[in-house]
N, C-alpha and C. Protein backbone atom coordinates (compact mmCIF):
# COMPACT_ATOMS: atom_id res chain seq x y z
N MET A 1 120.07 157.85 14.16
CA MET A 1 120.04 156.44 14.46
C MET A 1 120.31 155.66 13.18
N ALA A 2 121.24 154.75 13.25
CA ALA A 2 121.63 153.99 12.07
C ALA A 2 120.63 152.90 11.72
N TYR A 3 119.92 152.37 12.69
CA TYR A 3 119.01 151.25 12.45
C TYR A 3 117.65 151.59 13.03
N THR A 4 116.63 151.55 12.22
CA THR A 4 115.27 151.80 12.67
C THR A 4 114.47 150.51 12.54
N PRO A 5 114.18 149.86 13.65
CA PRO A 5 113.42 148.60 13.57
C PRO A 5 111.98 148.85 13.15
N GLU A 6 111.45 147.92 12.40
CA GLU A 6 110.05 148.01 12.00
C GLU A 6 109.20 147.30 13.05
N VAL A 7 108.04 147.86 13.32
CA VAL A 7 107.12 147.29 14.30
C VAL A 7 105.99 146.64 13.53
N ASN A 8 105.67 145.38 13.89
CA ASN A 8 104.60 144.71 13.14
C ASN A 8 103.25 145.29 13.51
N GLN A 9 102.22 144.87 12.78
CA GLN A 9 100.88 145.46 12.89
C GLN A 9 100.30 145.30 14.30
N VAL A 10 100.53 144.17 14.93
CA VAL A 10 99.98 143.92 16.26
C VAL A 10 100.56 144.91 17.27
N PHE A 11 101.89 145.07 17.27
CA PHE A 11 102.53 145.96 18.24
C PHE A 11 102.31 147.43 17.89
N SER A 12 102.21 147.72 16.61
CA SER A 12 101.89 149.09 16.20
C SER A 12 100.49 149.47 16.68
N GLY A 13 99.55 148.54 16.56
CA GLY A 13 98.20 148.77 17.03
C GLY A 13 98.15 148.95 18.55
N ALA A 14 98.92 148.14 19.27
CA ALA A 14 98.97 148.28 20.73
C ALA A 14 99.55 149.63 21.12
N LEU A 15 100.60 150.05 20.42
CA LEU A 15 101.20 151.35 20.69
C LEU A 15 100.20 152.47 20.42
N ARG A 16 99.46 152.36 19.34
CA ARG A 16 98.45 153.37 19.00
C ARG A 16 97.39 153.47 20.10
N ARG A 17 96.95 152.31 20.60
CA ARG A 17 95.92 152.32 21.64
C ARG A 17 96.45 152.89 22.96
N LEU A 18 97.69 152.58 23.28
CA LEU A 18 98.31 153.19 24.47
C LEU A 18 98.39 154.71 24.30
N ALA A 19 98.76 155.15 23.11
CA ALA A 19 98.86 156.59 22.84
C ALA A 19 97.50 157.26 23.00
N TRP A 20 96.46 156.62 22.50
CA TRP A 20 95.12 157.18 22.67
C TRP A 20 94.76 157.27 24.15
N ALA A 21 95.07 156.20 24.89
CA ALA A 21 94.74 156.18 26.33
C ALA A 21 95.48 157.29 27.08
N LEU A 22 96.68 157.59 26.64
CA LEU A 22 97.49 158.63 27.29
C LEU A 22 97.26 160.01 26.68
N ASP A 23 96.51 160.05 25.58
CA ASP A 23 96.24 161.30 24.87
C ASP A 23 97.54 162.02 24.49
N GLN A 24 98.41 161.25 23.86
CA GLN A 24 99.68 161.80 23.40
C GLN A 24 100.10 161.10 22.11
N PRO A 25 101.07 161.66 21.39
CA PRO A 25 101.51 161.06 20.13
C PRO A 25 102.17 159.68 20.35
N MET A 26 102.11 158.87 19.31
CA MET A 26 102.72 157.53 19.39
C MET A 26 104.22 157.61 19.66
N THR A 27 104.90 158.59 19.11
CA THR A 27 106.35 158.68 19.32
C THR A 27 106.67 158.92 20.80
N ARG A 28 105.91 159.78 21.44
CA ARG A 28 106.15 160.02 22.87
C ARG A 28 105.79 158.78 23.68
N THR A 29 104.71 158.11 23.29
CA THR A 29 104.29 156.89 23.98
C THR A 29 105.35 155.81 23.86
N LEU A 30 105.93 155.66 22.67
CA LEU A 30 107.00 154.68 22.49
C LEU A 30 108.18 155.02 23.40
N ASN A 31 108.53 156.29 23.48
CA ASN A 31 109.60 156.70 24.39
C ASN A 31 109.24 156.36 25.83
N ASP A 32 107.99 156.59 26.22
CA ASP A 32 107.54 156.27 27.58
C ASP A 32 107.63 154.78 27.86
N VAL A 33 107.24 153.95 26.88
CA VAL A 33 107.30 152.50 27.04
C VAL A 33 108.74 152.06 27.25
N ILE A 34 109.64 152.57 26.43
CA ILE A 34 111.06 152.21 26.57
C ILE A 34 111.60 152.72 27.89
N PHE A 35 111.24 153.94 28.27
CA PHE A 35 111.68 154.51 29.54
C PHE A 35 111.20 153.64 30.70
N HIS A 36 109.93 153.22 30.65
CA HIS A 36 109.40 152.37 31.71
C HIS A 36 110.16 151.04 31.77
N ALA A 37 110.37 150.43 30.61
CA ALA A 37 111.12 149.17 30.59
C ALA A 37 112.51 149.36 31.18
N ALA A 38 113.16 150.46 30.83
CA ALA A 38 114.51 150.74 31.34
C ALA A 38 114.51 150.93 32.85
N SER A 39 113.40 151.38 33.39
CA SER A 39 113.35 151.62 34.83
C SER A 39 113.10 150.36 35.63
N VAL A 40 112.68 149.27 34.99
CA VAL A 40 112.37 148.05 35.73
C VAL A 40 113.31 146.88 35.44
N VAL A 41 114.12 146.97 34.41
CA VAL A 41 115.04 145.86 34.10
C VAL A 41 116.33 146.00 34.89
N ASP A 42 117.11 144.94 34.91
CA ASP A 42 118.40 144.93 35.59
C ASP A 42 119.42 145.70 34.75
N ARG A 43 119.71 146.94 35.16
CA ARG A 43 120.63 147.80 34.40
C ARG A 43 122.03 147.20 34.31
N GLU A 44 122.47 146.56 35.38
CA GLU A 44 123.81 145.96 35.36
C GLU A 44 123.91 144.90 34.27
N ARG A 45 122.86 144.11 34.11
CA ARG A 45 122.85 143.07 33.07
C ARG A 45 122.89 143.70 31.69
N VAL A 46 122.11 144.77 31.51
CA VAL A 46 122.10 145.45 30.21
C VAL A 46 123.48 146.03 29.91
N CYS A 47 124.04 146.75 30.87
CA CYS A 47 125.34 147.39 30.65
C CYS A 47 126.44 146.36 30.43
N SER A 48 126.40 145.27 31.17
CA SER A 48 127.47 144.27 31.04
C SER A 48 127.42 143.54 29.70
N ASN A 49 126.26 143.57 29.04
CA ASN A 49 126.13 142.93 27.73
C ASN A 49 126.11 143.92 26.58
N CYS A 50 126.28 145.21 26.87
CA CYS A 50 126.23 146.24 25.85
C CYS A 50 127.43 146.11 24.89
N ARG A 51 127.19 146.42 23.63
CA ARG A 51 128.24 146.35 22.61
C ARG A 51 128.60 147.73 22.07
N ASP A 52 128.11 148.79 22.72
CA ASP A 52 128.40 150.14 22.27
C ASP A 52 128.60 151.05 23.47
N ASP A 53 129.85 151.30 23.81
CA ASP A 53 130.12 152.16 24.97
C ASP A 53 130.39 153.61 24.56
N SER A 54 129.97 153.97 23.36
CA SER A 54 130.26 155.33 22.88
C SER A 54 129.23 156.36 23.34
N VAL A 55 128.10 155.93 23.90
CA VAL A 55 127.05 156.87 24.28
C VAL A 55 126.57 156.67 25.71
N CYS A 56 127.42 156.17 26.58
CA CYS A 56 127.01 155.89 27.96
C CYS A 56 126.43 157.11 28.66
N GLU A 57 126.95 158.29 28.35
CA GLU A 57 126.49 159.49 29.05
C GLU A 57 125.06 159.87 28.71
N ILE A 58 124.50 159.36 27.62
CA ILE A 58 123.10 159.64 27.30
C ILE A 58 122.24 158.38 27.28
N CYS A 59 122.83 157.25 27.58
CA CYS A 59 122.10 155.98 27.58
C CYS A 59 121.19 155.90 28.80
N LEU A 60 120.01 155.33 28.63
CA LEU A 60 119.09 155.15 29.75
C LEU A 60 119.70 154.26 30.83
N PHE A 61 120.62 153.40 30.44
CA PHE A 61 121.20 152.46 31.39
C PHE A 61 122.57 152.90 31.88
N GLY A 62 123.19 153.85 31.19
CA GLY A 62 124.53 154.29 31.55
C GLY A 62 124.54 155.05 32.86
N LYS A 63 125.67 155.03 33.50
CA LYS A 63 125.79 155.72 34.78
C LYS A 63 126.68 156.93 34.63
N GLU A 64 126.26 158.00 35.24
CA GLU A 64 127.05 159.22 35.25
C GLU A 64 127.09 159.70 36.69
N GLU A 65 128.27 159.79 37.25
CA GLU A 65 128.45 160.19 38.63
C GLU A 65 127.63 159.33 39.58
N GLY A 66 127.63 158.01 39.32
CA GLY A 66 126.97 157.07 40.20
C GLY A 66 125.45 157.00 40.08
N GLU A 67 124.89 157.74 39.19
CA GLU A 67 123.43 157.73 39.03
C GLU A 67 123.10 157.54 37.56
N CYS A 68 122.21 156.62 37.25
CA CYS A 68 121.87 156.39 35.85
C CYS A 68 120.90 157.44 35.36
N TYR A 69 120.77 157.54 34.07
CA TYR A 69 119.90 158.52 33.43
C TYR A 69 118.45 158.38 33.89
N VAL A 70 117.98 157.13 34.02
CA VAL A 70 116.61 156.90 34.45
C VAL A 70 116.40 157.48 35.84
N ASP A 71 117.35 157.28 36.75
CA ASP A 71 117.23 157.84 38.10
C ASP A 71 117.16 159.36 38.06
N GLN A 72 117.94 159.97 37.19
CA GLN A 72 117.93 161.42 37.08
C GLN A 72 116.56 161.89 36.57
N GLU A 73 116.00 161.19 35.59
CA GLU A 73 114.71 161.57 35.02
C GLU A 73 113.57 161.34 35.99
N ARG A 74 113.70 160.39 36.89
CA ARG A 74 112.63 160.11 37.86
C ARG A 74 112.34 161.33 38.72
N ARG A 75 113.35 162.17 38.92
CA ARG A 75 113.14 163.37 39.72
C ARG A 75 112.16 164.32 39.04
N VAL A 76 112.08 164.25 37.71
CA VAL A 76 111.16 165.10 36.96
C VAL A 76 109.73 164.60 37.11
N GLY A 77 109.56 163.31 37.18
CA GLY A 77 108.23 162.73 37.31
C GLY A 77 108.11 161.48 36.47
N PRO A 78 107.11 160.65 36.74
CA PRO A 78 106.96 159.39 36.01
C PRO A 78 106.52 159.62 34.57
N SER A 79 106.89 158.67 33.72
CA SER A 79 106.44 158.74 32.33
C SER A 79 104.94 158.43 32.28
N GLY A 80 104.31 158.75 31.18
CA GLY A 80 102.89 158.49 31.03
C GLY A 80 102.55 157.02 31.20
N VAL A 81 103.36 156.15 30.65
CA VAL A 81 103.11 154.71 30.75
C VAL A 81 103.26 154.25 32.20
N SER A 82 104.32 154.69 32.86
CA SER A 82 104.53 154.30 34.26
C SER A 82 103.37 154.76 35.12
N GLU A 83 102.92 155.97 34.91
CA GLU A 83 101.80 156.50 35.68
C GLU A 83 100.53 155.72 35.39
N MET A 84 100.28 155.40 34.12
CA MET A 84 99.09 154.65 33.76
C MET A 84 99.10 153.26 34.40
N LEU A 85 100.27 152.61 34.40
CA LEU A 85 100.37 151.28 35.01
C LEU A 85 100.13 151.35 36.51
N ARG A 86 100.59 152.41 37.15
CA ARG A 86 100.37 152.58 38.59
C ARG A 86 98.88 152.74 38.91
N GLN A 87 98.13 153.35 38.01
CA GLN A 87 96.72 153.62 38.26
C GLN A 87 95.80 152.47 37.89
N MET A 88 96.32 151.48 37.15
CA MET A 88 95.48 150.37 36.72
C MET A 88 95.23 149.41 37.87
N PRO A 89 94.00 148.92 38.00
CA PRO A 89 93.72 147.93 39.06
C PRO A 89 94.39 146.61 38.73
N VAL A 90 94.83 145.93 39.77
CA VAL A 90 95.45 144.62 39.59
C VAL A 90 94.36 143.58 39.66
N SER A 91 94.35 142.68 38.67
CA SER A 91 93.28 141.66 38.65
C SER A 91 93.72 140.39 39.33
């Protein structure tokens, strides 16, 4: 990856607490958070505004044979974050 964004203390702390709740490393939790976000946003909007078409075949939003990567991964099972959000009571 050419660019690694820095996460401020507030969001780093939130990520750490999510990781503790899921009993998994922060890196996997961050992947789960991004995966969950990718599964709920408008993929067409993301793709139509993308500025890098060199990695569509591995992009969470890219389509391969009519099915995006997220759809393919859903067959394996929900991410930790998605599962945790499903189990949380709605207030």
